[in-house]
Amino acid sequence: MENWHSYYIKSCKVKSTDSLLYIMQDCKNAIAAYPENPKCDQYMDEIHYCAMELRRRRDIADRKGEQA
């Protein structure tokens, strides 16, 4: 059985870069607007997983650039 974290990490792989950036900003805004919200931990996880995916893509692009 897949947990939320594993599912979310996988779902980030198919989102566009613009979507990942939007999600990150939306979560940051939600945390800033209501830091006592019990979902803030989840929002922080979403930010982290989106950033991980963006980093993964950058690393892949960097490796391709080195091969050219």
C-alpha atoms as a PDB file:
ATOM      1  CA  MET A   1       0.000   0.000   0.000  1.00  0.00           C
ATOM      2  CA  GLU A   2       1.348   3.368  -1.035  1.00  0.00           C
ATOM      3  CA  ASN A   3       1.355   6.190   1.496  1.00  0.00           C
ATOM      4  CA  TRP A   4       0.611   9.839   0.752  1.00  0.00           C
ATOM      5  CA  HIS A   5       4.279  10.806   0.638  1.00  0.00           C
ATOM      6  CA  SER A   6       5.212   8.155  -1.933  1.00  0.00           C
ATOM      7  CA  TYR A   7       2.180   8.979  -4.034  1.00  0.00           C
ATOM      8  CA  TYR A   8       2.914  12.715  -3.959  1.00  0.00           C
ATOM      9  CA  ILE A   9       6.569  12.259  -4.904  1.00  0.00           C
ATOM     10  CA  LYS A  10       5.518  10.159  -7.904  1.00  0.00           C
ATOM     11  CA  SER A  11       2.856  12.686  -8.903  1.00  0.00           C
ATOM     12  CA  CYS A  12       5.467  15.466  -8.974  1.00  0.00           C
ATOM     13  CA  LYS A  13       7.315  13.662 -11.761  1.00  0.00           C
ATOM     14  CA  VAL A  14       4.449  14.257 -14.208  1.00  0.00           C
ATOM     15  CA  LYS A  15       3.667  17.861 -13.274  1.00  0.00           C
ATOM     16  CA  SER A  16       4.976  20.713 -15.374  1.00  0.00           C
ATOM     17  CA  THR A  17       7.682  22.958 -13.997  1.00  0.00           C
ATOM     18  CA  ASP A  18       5.182  25.819 -13.881  1.00  0.00           C
ATOM     19  CA  SER A  19       2.793  23.656 -11.857  1.00  0.00           C
ATOM     20  CA  LEU A  20       5.504  22.710  -9.376  1.00  0.00           C
ATOM     21  CA  LEU A  21       6.483  26.350  -8.915  1.00  0.00           C
ATOM     22  CA  TYR A  22       2.837  27.357  -8.499  1.00  0.00           C
ATOM     23  CA  ILE A  23       2.220  24.654  -5.881  1.00  0.00           C
ATOM     24  CA  MET A  24       5.292  25.735  -3.941  1.00  0.00           C
ATOM     25  CA  GLN A  25       4.194  29.364  -3.889  1.00  0.00           C
ATOM     26  CA  ASP A  26       0.600  28.459  -3.039  1.00  0.00           C
ATOM     27  CA  CYS A  27       1.763  26.361  -0.072  1.00  0.00           C
ATOM     28  CA  LYS A  28       4.052  29.154   1.119  1.00  0.00           C
ATOM     29  CA  ASN A  29       1.142  31.596   0.915  1.00  0.00           C
ATOM     30  CA  ALA A  30      -1.139  29.234   2.824  1.00  0.00           C
ATOM     31  CA  ILE A  31       1.435  28.780   5.593  1.00  0.00           C
ATOM     32  CA  ALA A  32       1.982  32.538   5.854  1.00  0.00           C
ATOM     33  CA  ALA A  33      -1.757  33.238   5.944  1.00  0.00           C
ATOM     34  CA  TYR A  34      -2.579  30.701   8.652  1.00  0.00           C
ATOM     35  CA  PRO A  35       0.515  29.238  10.325  1.00  0.00           C
ATOM     36  CA  GLU A  36      -1.581  27.485  12.982  1.00  0.00           C
ATOM     37  CA  ASN A  37      -3.327  25.395  10.342  1.00  0.00           C
ATOM     38  CA  PRO A  38      -2.865  21.693  11.134  1.00  0.00           C
ATOM     39  CA  LYS A  39      -2.117  21.099   7.429  1.00  0.00           C
ATOM     40  CA  CYS A  40       1.011  23.291   7.487  1.00  0.00           C
ATOM     41  CA  ASP A  41       3.224  20.218   7.896  1.00  0.00           C
ATOM     42  CA  GLN A  42       1.698  18.750   4.753  1.00  0.00           C
ATOM     43  CA  TYR A  43       2.199  22.045   2.918  1.00  0.00           C
ATOM     44  CA  MET A  44       5.864  22.033   3.929  1.00  0.00           C
ATOM     45  CA  ASP A  45       6.176  18.461   2.632  1.00  0.00           C
ATOM     46  CA  GLU A  46       4.616  19.527  -0.673  1.00  0.00           C
ATOM     47  CA  ILE A  47       7.106  22.373  -0.986  1.00  0.00           C
ATOM     48  CA  HIS A  48       9.947  19.972  -0.271  1.00  0.00           C
ATOM     49  CA  TYR A  49       8.790  17.330  -2.763  1.00  0.00           C
ATOM     50  CA  CYS A  50       8.236  19.897  -5.520  1.00  0.00           C
ATOM     51  CA  ALA A  51      11.714  21.303  -4.894  1.00  0.00           C
ATOM     52  CA  MET A  52      13.184  17.783  -4.977  1.00  0.00           C
ATOM     53  CA  GLU A  53      11.609  17.194  -8.388  1.00  0.00           C
ATOM     54  CA  LEU A  54      12.855  20.527  -9.738  1.00  0.00           C
ATOM     55  CA  ARG A  55      16.353  19.649  -8.497  1.00  0.00           C
ATOM     56  CA  ARG A  56      16.134  16.200 -10.106  1.00  0.00           C
ATOM     57  CA  ARG A  57      15.221  17.785 -13.441  1.00  0.00           C
ATOM     58  CA  ARG A  58      18.038  20.329 -13.157  1.00  0.00           C
ATOM     59  CA  ASP A  59      20.537  17.567 -12.416  1.00  0.00           C
ATOM     60  CA  ILE A  60      19.358  15.602 -15.467  1.00  0.00           C
ATOM     61  CA  ALA A  61      19.656  18.701 -17.668  1.00  0.00           C
ATOM     62  CA  ASP A  62      23.141  19.384 -16.281  1.00  0.00           C
ATOM     63  CA  ARG A  63      24.256  15.826 -17.057  1.00  0.00           C
ATOM     64  CA  LYS A  64      22.919  16.096 -20.606  1.00  0.00           C
ATOM     65  CA  GLY A  65      24.810  19.376 -21.021  1.00  0.00           C
ATOM     66  CA  GLU A  66      28.051  17.712 -19.960  1.00  0.00           C
ATOM     67  CA  GLN A  67      27.603  15.002 -22.588  1.00  0.00           C
ATOM     68  CA  ALA A  68      27.109  17.450 -25.469  1.00  0.00           C
END
